[in-house]
Amino acid sequence: TVRGLFALRLRLLDQAIEKARSAPPAAAEMAADVAAALLARGRANRELGHMVQARADFEEGLGLARGARSATLEGLAHMRIGEMVETDGATAEARDRFALALRCVAAAPGDPVARLHEADIRAHVAHTYRREGALESAEREIHAAIALYRAASRPDPPSCRRRSPRRRRSGRPPSATHRRRVRAPRS
């Protein structure tokens, strides 16, 4: 099941983080790797419903990302914390976290992963605006997110996609899926 996969991921991340922490004092690269592992473990904890541990992992990952001077990871940490806060209904605080995340990813102009995180963050900002009833602002942010996804040549996230009623799951129009092959007569 999906829950079992998150539990397995959690155990593997626990082992990786413990091993990294027991290593000799690390350089900034190692701190960035530990920060990334903490953010992944926090996400797994959140999916399993362990919210307190997830928040602690996100905060610790944020601190390590700052120490490693990794703007992309710092932005990701702010986004993850903003997601948790927004889920609790504190949309103003979530927007503040998302604004911090946007500033962080803007500080990494050459990082293509940062552009994808920016698109994700803008989609979350749009969701908070929608929850607050600011539909024009939500629409503006969702269009910005879609443009960023397309610029990165990544498919739009499911929340941004509009499915054409004329297309089937195969992606072909109905007429293409119902065509019969015409066989040449045997000679």
N, C-alpha and C. Protein backbone atom coordinates (compact mmCIF):
# COMPACT_ATOMS: atom_id res chain seq x y z
N THR A 1 0.83 -1.19 0.00
CA THR A 1 0.00 0.00 0.00
C THR A 1 0.88 1.25 0.00
N VAL A 2 0.25 2.38 -0.24
CA VAL A 2 0.97 3.64 -0.25
C VAL A 2 1.52 3.95 1.14
N ARG A 3 0.74 3.68 2.15
CA ARG A 3 1.18 3.92 3.53
C ARG A 3 2.44 3.12 3.85
N GLY A 4 2.49 1.89 3.37
CA GLY A 4 3.66 1.05 3.58
C GLY A 4 4.89 1.59 2.88
N LEU A 5 4.70 2.18 1.69
CA LEU A 5 5.82 2.79 0.98
C LEU A 5 6.37 3.98 1.75
N PHE A 6 5.48 4.80 2.32
CA PHE A 6 5.95 5.93 3.11
C PHE A 6 6.67 5.47 4.37
N ALA A 7 6.18 4.39 4.97
CA ALA A 7 6.84 3.85 6.16
C ALA A 7 8.23 3.32 5.81
N LEU A 8 8.36 2.65 4.68
CA LEU A 8 9.65 2.16 4.24
C LEU A 8 10.59 3.33 3.94
N ARG A 9 10.10 4.34 3.25
CA ARG A 9 10.90 5.52 2.96
C ARG A 9 11.35 6.19 4.25
N LEU A 10 10.47 6.23 5.22
CA LEU A 10 10.80 6.84 6.50
C LEU A 10 11.95 6.10 7.18
N ARG A 11 11.89 4.76 7.18
CA ARG A 11 12.97 3.98 7.80
C ARG A 11 14.29 4.17 7.08
N LEU A 12 14.27 4.19 5.75
CA LEU A 12 15.49 4.40 4.99
C LEU A 12 16.08 5.78 5.23
N LEU A 13 15.23 6.78 5.30
CA LEU A 13 15.71 8.14 5.57
C LEU A 13 16.25 8.26 6.99
N ASP A 14 15.62 7.60 7.95
CA ASP A 14 16.14 7.59 9.32
C ASP A 14 17.56 7.05 9.34
N GLN A 15 17.78 5.95 8.64
CA GLN A 15 19.11 5.34 8.60
C GLN A 15 20.13 6.26 7.93
N ALA A 16 19.74 6.89 6.83
CA ALA A 16 20.66 7.77 6.12
C ALA A 16 21.01 9.00 6.96
N ILE A 17 20.03 9.56 7.64
CA ILE A 17 20.28 10.74 8.47
C ILE A 17 21.17 10.37 9.65
N GLU A 18 20.90 9.24 10.27
CA GLU A 18 21.71 8.80 11.41
C GLU A 18 23.15 8.56 10.99
N LYS A 19 23.34 7.95 9.83
CA LYS A 19 24.70 7.69 9.33
C LYS A 19 25.42 9.01 9.04
N ALA A 20 24.73 9.96 8.43
CA ALA A 20 25.35 11.25 8.11
C ALA A 20 25.70 12.02 9.38
N ARG A 21 24.85 11.92 10.38
CA ARG A 21 25.12 12.64 11.64
C ARG A 21 26.29 12.03 12.40
N SER A 22 26.51 10.72 12.24
CA SER A 22 27.59 10.07 12.97
C SER A 22 28.94 10.23 12.26
N ALA A 23 28.92 10.76 11.05
CA ALA A 23 30.15 10.98 10.30
C ALA A 23 30.91 12.16 10.90
N PRO A 24 32.19 12.30 10.56
CA PRO A 24 32.95 13.45 11.04
C PRO A 24 32.29 14.75 10.59
N PRO A 25 32.64 15.86 11.23
CA PRO A 25 32.03 17.14 10.83
C PRO A 25 32.11 17.33 9.32
N ALA A 26 30.97 17.67 8.76
CA ALA A 26 30.84 17.69 7.30
C ALA A 26 30.96 19.09 6.74
N ALA A 27 31.24 19.13 5.48
CA ALA A 27 31.28 20.39 4.75
C ALA A 27 29.86 20.81 4.41
N ALA A 28 29.76 21.93 3.73
CA ALA A 28 28.43 22.44 3.36
C ALA A 28 27.67 21.47 2.49
N GLU A 29 28.37 20.71 1.64
CA GLU A 29 27.69 19.75 0.78
C GLU A 29 26.99 18.67 1.60
N MET A 30 27.66 18.20 2.65
CA MET A 30 27.06 17.17 3.50
C MET A 30 25.86 17.75 4.25
N ALA A 31 25.98 19.00 4.70
CA ALA A 31 24.86 19.64 5.40
C ALA A 31 23.67 19.77 4.46
N ALA A 32 23.92 20.08 3.20
CA ALA A 32 22.82 20.19 2.23
C ALA A 32 22.18 18.82 2.00
N ASP A 33 22.99 17.77 1.95
CA ASP A 33 22.44 16.42 1.77
C ASP A 33 21.58 16.01 2.97
N VAL A 34 22.05 16.33 4.17
CA VAL A 34 21.28 16.00 5.38
C VAL A 34 19.99 16.82 5.40
N ALA A 35 20.09 18.10 4.99
CA ALA A 35 18.89 18.94 4.93
C ALA A 35 17.86 18.35 3.97
N ALA A 36 18.32 17.91 2.80
CA ALA A 36 17.41 17.31 1.81
C ALA A 36 16.77 16.04 2.38
N ALA A 37 17.57 15.24 3.08
CA ALA A 37 17.02 14.00 3.68
C ALA A 37 16.01 14.33 4.77
N LEU A 38 16.28 15.36 5.56
CA LEU A 38 15.33 15.76 6.60
C LEU A 38 14.01 16.25 6.00
N LEU A 39 14.11 17.01 4.92
CA LEU A 39 12.89 17.49 4.26
C LEU A 39 12.09 16.33 3.68
N ALA A 40 12.78 15.35 3.12
CA ALA A 40 12.08 14.17 2.59
C ALA A 40 11.46 13.36 3.72
N ARG A 41 12.20 13.22 4.82
CA ARG A 41 11.65 12.47 5.96
C ARG A 41 10.45 13.22 6.55
N GLY A 42 10.53 14.53 6.60
CA GLY A 42 9.40 15.32 7.08
C GLY A 42 8.16 15.11 6.23
N ARG A 43 8.37 15.05 4.92
CA ARG A 43 7.22 14.81 4.03
C ARG A 43 6.64 13.43 4.26
N ALA A 44 7.50 12.43 4.44
CA ALA A 44 7.00 11.07 4.72
C ALA A 44 6.25 11.05 6.05
N ASN A 45 6.78 11.72 7.06
CA ASN A 45 6.10 11.80 8.35
C ASN A 45 4.73 12.47 8.21
N ARG A 46 4.69 13.54 7.41
CA ARG A 46 3.41 14.24 7.21
C ARG A 46 2.40 13.32 6.54
N GLU A 47 2.83 12.57 5.53
CA GLU A 47 1.92 11.66 4.83
C GLU A 47 1.42 10.55 5.75
N LEU A 48 2.24 10.17 6.73
CA LEU A 48 1.83 9.14 7.68
C LEU A 48 1.03 9.71 8.85
N GLY A 49 0.86 11.03 8.90
CA GLY A 49 0.07 11.65 9.95
C GLY A 49 0.86 12.04 11.19
N HIS A 50 2.16 11.95 11.14
CA HIS A 50 3.01 12.33 12.28
C HIS A 50 3.39 13.81 12.12
N MET A 51 2.43 14.69 12.40
CA MET A 51 2.59 16.11 12.11
C MET A 51 3.66 16.80 12.96
N VAL A 52 3.76 16.44 14.24
CA VAL A 52 4.74 17.08 15.11
C VAL A 52 6.15 16.74 14.64
N GLN A 53 6.39 15.46 14.33
CA GLN A 53 7.71 15.05 13.85
C GLN A 53 8.00 15.66 12.49
N ALA A 54 6.98 15.75 11.63
CA ALA A 54 7.17 16.34 10.31
C ALA A 54 7.60 17.80 10.44
N ARG A 55 6.92 18.55 11.30
CA ARG A 55 7.27 19.96 11.48
C ARG A 55 8.69 20.10 12.03
N ALA A 56 9.06 19.22 12.97
CA ALA A 56 10.42 19.26 13.53
C ALA A 56 11.46 18.97 12.44
N ASP A 57 11.18 18.00 11.56
CA ASP A 57 12.09 17.70 10.47
C ASP A 57 12.21 18.87 9.50
N PHE A 58 11.09 19.51 9.18
CA PHE A 58 11.12 20.65 8.27
C PHE A 58 11.92 21.80 8.88
N GLU A 59 11.71 22.08 10.16
CA GLU A 59 12.45 23.17 10.81
C GLU A 59 13.94 22.87 10.88
N GLU A 60 14.30 21.62 11.22
CA GLU A 60 15.71 21.26 11.27
C GLU A 60 16.33 21.31 9.87
N GLY A 61 15.61 20.84 8.88
CA GLY A 61 16.09 20.91 7.50
C GLY A 61 16.28 22.35 7.05
N LEU A 62 15.37 23.23 7.48
CA LEU A 62 15.50 24.65 7.15
C LEU A 62 16.78 25.23 7.75
N GLY A 63 17.05 24.90 9.00
CA GLY A 63 18.27 25.39 9.64
C GLY A 63 19.53 24.91 8.94
N LEU A 64 19.55 23.63 8.57
CA LEU A 64 20.72 23.09 7.86
C LEU A 64 20.85 23.70 6.46
N ALA A 65 19.74 23.91 5.79
CA ALA A 65 19.78 24.52 4.46
C ALA A 65 20.33 25.94 4.53
N ARG A 66 19.94 26.68 5.55
CA ARG A 66 20.50 28.02 5.75
C ARG A 66 22.00 27.94 5.98
N GLY A 67 22.41 27.01 6.85
CA GLY A 67 23.82 26.85 7.15
C GLY A 67 24.63 26.44 5.93
N ALA A 68 24.04 25.65 5.06
CA ALA A 68 24.71 25.20 3.85
C ALA A 68 24.60 26.24 2.73
N ARG A 69 23.87 27.30 2.98
CA ARG A 69 23.63 28.37 1.99
C ARG A 69 23.02 27.81 0.70
N SER A 70 22.06 26.93 0.89
CA SER A 70 21.35 26.35 -0.25
C SER A 70 19.98 27.01 -0.35
N ALA A 71 19.90 28.00 -1.23
CA ALA A 71 18.65 28.75 -1.38
C ALA A 71 17.51 27.87 -1.83
N THR A 72 17.80 26.90 -2.70
CA THR A 72 16.75 26.01 -3.20
C THR A 72 16.16 25.17 -2.07
N LEU A 73 17.04 24.57 -1.25
CA LEU A 73 16.54 23.75 -0.14
C LEU A 73 15.84 24.61 0.91
N GLU A 74 16.35 25.81 1.13
CA GLU A 74 15.69 26.71 2.08
C GLU A 74 14.29 27.06 1.59
N GLY A 75 14.16 27.33 0.29
CA GLY A 75 12.84 27.61 -0.27
C GLY A 75 11.91 26.41 -0.16
N LEU A 76 12.45 25.21 -0.39
CA LEU A 76 11.65 24.00 -0.27
C LEU A 76 11.17 23.81 1.16
N ALA A 77 12.04 24.09 2.13
CA ALA A 77 11.65 23.95 3.54
C ALA A 77 10.54 24.93 3.89
N HIS A 78 10.67 26.17 3.44
CA HIS A 78 9.60 27.15 3.71
C HIS A 78 8.29 26.70 3.05
N MET A 79 8.39 26.14 1.84
CA MET A 79 7.18 25.67 1.16
C MET A 79 6.52 24.55 1.95
N ARG A 80 7.31 23.58 2.42
CA ARG A 80 6.75 22.46 3.17
C ARG A 80 6.09 22.94 4.47
N ILE A 81 6.73 23.87 5.16
CA ILE A 81 6.13 24.40 6.39
C ILE A 81 4.86 25.17 6.04
N GLY A 82 4.90 25.94 4.96
CA GLY A 82 3.71 26.66 4.52
C GLY A 82 2.56 25.74 4.19
N GLU A 83 2.85 24.58 3.58
CA GLU A 83 1.81 23.59 3.29
C GLU A 83 1.13 23.12 4.57
N MET A 84 1.94 22.84 5.58
CA MET A 84 1.37 22.36 6.85
C MET A 84 0.51 23.44 7.51
N VAL A 85 1.02 24.66 7.51
CA VAL A 85 0.30 25.77 8.14
C VAL A 85 -1.01 26.03 7.39
N GLU A 86 -0.94 25.98 6.06
CA GLU A 86 -2.13 26.24 5.25
C GLU A 86 -3.18 25.15 5.45
N THR A 87 -2.74 23.92 5.63
CA THR A 87 -3.67 22.82 5.88
C THR A 87 -4.43 23.05 7.19
N ASP A 88 -3.76 23.67 8.16
CA ASP A 88 -4.41 23.98 9.44
C ASP A 88 -5.35 25.17 9.34
N GLY A 89 -5.36 25.86 8.19
CA GLY A 89 -6.28 26.97 7.99
C GLY A 89 -5.68 28.35 8.20
N ALA A 90 -4.41 28.44 8.55
CA ALA A 90 -3.76 29.74 8.77
C ALA A 90 -3.20 30.23 7.43
N THR A 91 -4.09 30.72 6.57
CA THR A 91 -3.68 31.07 5.21
C THR A 91 -2.76 32.28 5.18
N ALA A 92 -2.93 33.24 6.07
CA ALA A 92 -2.05 34.41 6.07
C ALA A 92 -0.62 34.00 6.43
N GLU A 93 -0.47 33.16 7.44
CA GLU A 93 0.86 32.68 7.81
C GLU A 93 1.45 31.82 6.69
N ALA A 94 0.62 31.04 6.04
CA ALA A 94 1.09 30.21 4.93
C ALA A 94 1.58 31.09 3.79
N ARG A 95 0.84 32.16 3.47
CA ARG A 95 1.28 33.06 2.41
C ARG A 95 2.62 33.70 2.76
N ASP A 96 2.83 34.03 4.05
CA ASP A 96 4.12 34.58 4.48
C ASP A 96 5.23 33.57 4.24
N ARG A 97 4.98 32.31 4.58
CA ARG A 97 5.98 31.26 4.34
C ARG A 97 6.24 31.09 2.85
N PHE A 98 5.18 31.11 2.06
CA PHE A 98 5.35 30.97 0.62
C PHE A 98 6.11 32.16 0.03
N ALA A 99 5.89 33.35 0.58
CA ALA A 99 6.64 34.54 0.13
C ALA A 99 8.12 34.37 0.43
N LEU A 100 8.44 33.84 1.63
CA LEU A 100 9.84 33.57 1.97
C LEU A 100 10.42 32.53 1.00
N ALA A 101 9.64 31.51 0.69
CA ALA A 101 10.09 30.47 -0.23
C ALA A 101 10.37 31.05 -1.61
N LEU A 102 9.50 31.94 -2.08
CA LEU A 102 9.71 32.56 -3.39
C LEU A 102 10.98 33.41 -3.41
N ARG A 103 11.25 34.12 -2.31
CA ARG A 103 12.49 34.91 -2.24
C ARG A 103 13.71 34.01 -2.27
N CYS A 104 13.62 32.87 -1.59
CA CYS A 104 14.76 31.94 -1.56
C CYS A 104 15.04 31.37 -2.95
N VAL A 105 14.01 30.90 -3.63
CA VAL A 105 14.25 30.30 -4.95
C VAL A 105 14.65 31.36 -5.97
N ALA A 106 14.26 32.61 -5.76
CA ALA A 106 14.69 33.69 -6.65
C ALA A 106 16.19 33.94 -6.49
N ALA A 107 16.74 33.57 -5.34
CA ALA A 107 18.17 33.76 -5.08
C ALA A 107 19.01 32.67 -5.75
N ALA A 108 18.39 31.72 -6.41
CA ALA A 108 19.10 30.65 -7.12
C ALA A 108 18.71 30.69 -8.59
N PRO A 109 19.13 31.74 -9.32
CA PRO A 109 18.65 31.92 -10.69
C PRO A 109 19.07 30.85 -11.68
N GLY A 110 20.20 30.19 -11.48
CA GLY A 110 20.65 29.21 -12.45
C GLY A 110 20.23 27.79 -12.14
N ASP A 111 19.48 27.60 -11.08
CA ASP A 111 19.10 26.26 -10.65
C ASP A 111 17.75 25.87 -11.27
N PRO A 112 17.73 24.89 -12.18
CA PRO A 112 16.45 24.51 -12.81
C PRO A 112 15.46 23.90 -11.82
N VAL A 113 15.96 23.26 -10.76
CA VAL A 113 15.07 22.70 -9.74
C VAL A 113 14.36 23.83 -8.99
N ALA A 114 15.05 24.93 -8.81
CA ALA A 114 14.43 26.08 -8.14
C ALA A 114 13.26 26.60 -8.95
N ARG A 115 13.34 26.57 -10.27
CA ARG A 115 12.22 27.03 -11.11
C ARG A 115 11.00 26.13 -10.92
N LEU A 116 11.24 24.83 -10.79
CA LEU A 116 10.12 23.92 -10.55
C LEU A 116 9.51 24.15 -9.18
N HIS A 117 10.37 24.39 -8.18
CA HIS A 117 9.85 24.70 -6.85
C HIS A 117 9.06 26.01 -6.88
N GLU A 118 9.53 26.98 -7.67
CA GLU A 118 8.79 28.24 -7.78
C GLU A 118 7.40 27.99 -8.34
N ALA A 119 7.29 27.13 -9.32
CA ALA A 119 5.98 26.79 -9.88
C ALA A 119 5.10 26.14 -8.83
N ASP A 120 5.66 25.20 -8.06
CA ASP A 120 4.90 24.55 -6.99
C ASP A 120 4.45 25.57 -5.94
N ILE A 121 5.35 26.46 -5.58
CA ILE A 121 5.02 27.48 -4.56
C ILE A 121 3.90 28.37 -5.06
N ARG A 122 3.99 28.79 -6.32
CA ARG A 122 2.93 29.66 -6.87
C ARG A 122 1.58 28.93 -6.92
N ALA A 123 1.59 27.64 -7.17
CA ALA A 123 0.35 26.86 -7.13
C ALA A 123 -0.22 26.84 -5.71
N HIS A 124 0.65 26.74 -4.71
CA HIS A 124 0.18 26.78 -3.32
C HIS A 124 -0.35 28.16 -2.94
N VAL A 125 0.33 29.20 -3.41
CA VAL A 125 -0.15 30.57 -3.15
C VAL A 125 -1.53 30.74 -3.77
N ALA A 126 -1.72 30.23 -4.97
CA ALA A 126 -3.03 30.32 -5.62
C ALA A 126 -4.09 29.62 -4.78
N HIS A 127 -3.72 28.48 -4.22
CA HIS A 127 -4.68 27.74 -3.38
C HIS A 127 -5.05 28.54 -2.13
N THR A 128 -4.08 29.19 -1.51
CA THR A 128 -4.41 29.99 -0.32
C THR A 128 -5.31 31.16 -0.69
N TYR A 129 -5.01 31.81 -1.82
CA TYR A 129 -5.88 32.91 -2.25
C TYR A 129 -7.30 32.40 -2.52
N ARG A 130 -7.40 31.22 -3.13
CA ARG A 130 -8.72 30.67 -3.41
C ARG A 130 -9.48 30.41 -2.12
N ARG A 131 -8.77 29.86 -1.12
CA ARG A 131 -9.43 29.60 0.17
C ARG A 131 -9.89 30.88 0.83
N GLU A 132 -9.19 31.98 0.58
CA GLU A 132 -9.56 33.26 1.16
C GLU A 132 -10.62 33.99 0.35
N GLY A 133 -10.93 33.48 -0.84
CA GLY A 133 -11.94 34.10 -1.67
C GLY A 133 -11.38 35.14 -2.63
N ALA A 134 -10.07 35.31 -2.69
CA ALA A 134 -9.44 36.27 -3.60
C ALA A 134 -9.18 35.57 -4.94
N LEU A 135 -10.24 35.40 -5.71
CA LEU A 135 -10.16 34.57 -6.91
C LEU A 135 -9.32 35.19 -8.02
N GLU A 136 -9.29 36.52 -8.14
CA GLU A 136 -8.46 37.14 -9.17
C GLU A 136 -6.98 36.90 -8.89
N SER A 137 -6.60 37.05 -7.62
CA SER A 137 -5.21 36.78 -7.24
C SER A 137 -4.87 35.31 -7.43
N ALA A 138 -5.81 34.44 -7.11
CA ALA A 138 -5.60 33.00 -7.29
C ALA A 138 -5.39 32.68 -8.77
N GLU A 139 -6.21 33.28 -9.62
CA GLU A 139 -6.08 33.02 -11.05
C GLU A 139 -4.74 33.53 -11.59
N ARG A 140 -4.31 34.70 -11.12
CA ARG A 140 -3.03 35.25 -11.55
C ARG A 140 -1.87 34.31 -11.16
N GLU A 141 -1.91 33.79 -9.94
CA GLU A 141 -0.85 32.90 -9.47
C GLU A 141 -0.87 31.55 -10.18
N ILE A 142 -2.05 31.03 -10.47
CA ILE A 142 -2.12 29.74 -11.15
C ILE A 142 -1.61 29.87 -12.58
N HIS A 143 -1.89 31.01 -13.22
CA HIS A 143 -1.36 31.23 -14.57
C HIS A 143 0.17 31.35 -14.54
N ALA A 144 0.70 31.99 -13.51
CA ALA A 144 2.16 32.09 -13.37
C ALA A 144 2.76 30.70 -13.14
N ALA A 145 2.09 29.87 -12.34
CA ALA A 145 2.58 28.51 -12.09
C ALA A 145 2.58 27.69 -13.37
N ILE A 146 1.50 27.79 -14.14
CA ILE A 146 1.41 27.04 -15.40
C ILE A 146 2.51 27.48 -16.35
N ALA A 147 2.74 28.79 -16.44
CA ALA A 147 3.80 29.29 -17.33
C ALA A 147 5.17 28.76 -16.90
N LEU A 148 5.42 28.70 -15.60
CA LEU A 148 6.70 28.17 -15.12
C LEU A 148 6.83 26.68 -15.41
N TYR A 149 5.76 25.92 -15.22
CA TYR A 149 5.81 24.49 -15.54
C TYR A 149 6.10 24.29 -17.03
N ARG A 150 5.43 25.05 -17.85
CA ARG A 150 5.63 24.90 -19.29
C ARG A 150 7.03 25.33 -19.71
N ALA A 151 7.54 26.39 -19.10
CA ALA A 151 8.90 26.84 -19.41
C ALA A 151 9.93 25.80 -19.02
N ALA A 152 9.63 25.02 -18.00
CA ALA A 152 10.55 23.98 -17.55
C ALA A 152 10.31 22.66 -18.29
N SER A 153 9.40 22.67 -19.25
CA SER A 153 9.05 21.47 -20.02
C SER A 153 8.59 20.34 -19.13
N ARG A 154 7.86 20.68 -18.11
CA ARG A 154 7.29 19.68 -17.21
C ARG A 154 5.78 19.75 -17.37
N PRO A 155 5.11 18.63 -17.39
CA PRO A 155 3.65 18.68 -17.53
C PRO A 155 3.02 19.43 -16.37
N ASP A 156 1.91 20.06 -16.66
CA ASP A 156 1.19 20.78 -15.61
C ASP A 156 0.79 19.82 -14.51
N PRO A 157 0.77 20.30 -13.25
CA PRO A 157 0.29 19.42 -12.19
C PRO A 157 -1.19 19.15 -12.38
N PRO A 158 -1.70 18.05 -11.83
CA PRO A 158 -3.11 17.71 -12.04
C PRO A 158 -4.07 18.83 -11.64
N SER A 159 -3.73 19.62 -10.63
CA SER A 159 -4.63 20.68 -10.20
C SER A 159 -4.71 21.81 -11.21
N CYS A 160 -3.74 21.91 -12.13
CA CYS A 160 -3.72 22.98 -13.12
C CYS A 160 -4.23 22.55 -14.49
N ARG A 161 -4.36 21.25 -14.70
CA ARG A 161 -4.74 20.73 -16.02
C ARG A 161 -6.21 20.86 -16.28
N ARG A 162 -6.51 21.16 -17.51
CA ARG A 162 -7.90 21.09 -17.96
C ARG A 162 -7.96 19.94 -18.94
N ARG A 163 -8.80 19.01 -18.65
CA ARG A 163 -8.90 17.83 -19.50
C ARG A 163 -9.93 18.09 -20.59
N SER A 164 -9.52 17.85 -21.77
CA SER A 164 -10.41 18.05 -22.90
C SER A 164 -11.48 16.96 -22.89
N PRO A 165 -12.74 17.33 -23.02
CA PRO A 165 -13.80 16.31 -23.01
C PRO A 165 -13.75 15.43 -24.25
N ARG A 166 -13.06 15.85 -25.29
CA ARG A 166 -13.01 15.07 -26.52
C ARG A 166 -11.93 14.01 -26.49
N ARG A 167 -11.05 14.07 -25.53
CA ARG A 167 -9.94 13.12 -25.49
C ARG A 167 -10.22 12.01 -24.48
N ARG A 168 -9.73 10.85 -24.79
CA ARG A 168 -9.86 9.73 -23.88
C ARG A 168 -8.56 9.57 -23.12
N ARG A 169 -8.52 8.59 -22.25
CA ARG A 169 -7.32 8.34 -21.46
C ARG A 169 -6.10 8.07 -22.33
N SER A 170 -6.30 7.52 -23.47
CA SER A 170 -5.17 7.22 -24.35
C SER A 170 -4.56 8.50 -24.91
N GLY A 171 -5.26 9.62 -24.78
CA GLY A 171 -4.78 10.88 -25.33
C GLY A 171 -5.17 11.09 -26.77
N ARG A 172 -5.86 10.10 -27.36
CA ARG A 172 -6.28 10.22 -28.76
C ARG A 172 -7.73 10.66 -28.81
N PRO A 173 -8.09 11.36 -29.86
CA PRO A 173 -9.51 11.70 -30.01
C PRO A 173 -10.33 10.42 -30.22
N PRO A 174 -11.60 10.45 -29.91
CA PRO A 174 -12.43 9.24 -30.03
C PRO A 174 -12.37 8.59 -31.41
N SER A 175 -12.29 9.38 -32.46
CA SER A 175 -12.28 8.79 -33.81
C SER A 175 -11.03 7.95 -34.04
N ALA A 176 -9.91 8.32 -33.41
CA ALA A 176 -8.67 7.56 -33.60
C ALA A 176 -8.70 6.23 -32.87
N THR A 177 -9.46 6.15 -31.79
CA THR A 177 -9.48 4.91 -31.01
C THR A 177 -10.46 3.89 -31.58
N HIS A 178 -11.38 4.35 -32.41
CA HIS A 178 -12.39 3.44 -32.94
C HIS A 178 -12.17 3.07 -34.40
N ARG A 179 -11.09 3.49 -34.97
CA ARG A 179 -10.83 3.13 -36.37
C ARG A 179 -10.49 1.66 -36.46
N ARG A 180 -11.02 1.06 -37.49
CA ARG A 180 -10.72 -0.34 -37.74
C ARG A 180 -9.66 -0.43 -38.82
N ARG A 181 -8.84 -1.43 -38.65
CA ARG A 181 -7.83 -1.65 -39.69
C ARG A 181 -8.49 -2.32 -40.88
N VAL A 182 -8.14 -1.84 -42.00
CA VAL A 182 -8.62 -2.45 -43.23
C VAL A 182 -7.51 -3.33 -43.75
N ARG A 183 -7.79 -4.60 -43.85
CA ARG A 183 -6.77 -5.53 -44.35
C ARG A 183 -6.85 -5.64 -45.84
N ALA A 184 -5.70 -5.80 -46.38
CA ALA A 184 -5.64 -6.00 -47.84
C ALA A 184 -6.14 -7.41 -48.14
N PRO A 185 -6.85 -7.57 -49.22
CA PRO A 185 -7.34 -8.91 -49.56
C PRO A 185 -6.17 -9.86 -49.83
N ARG A 186 -6.34 -11.07 -49.39
CA ARG A 186 -5.30 -12.07 -49.61
C ARG A 186 -5.28 -12.49 -51.06
N SER A 187 -4.12 -12.69 -51.58
CA SER A 187 -4.04 -13.10 -52.98
C SER A 187 -3.69 -14.55 -53.12
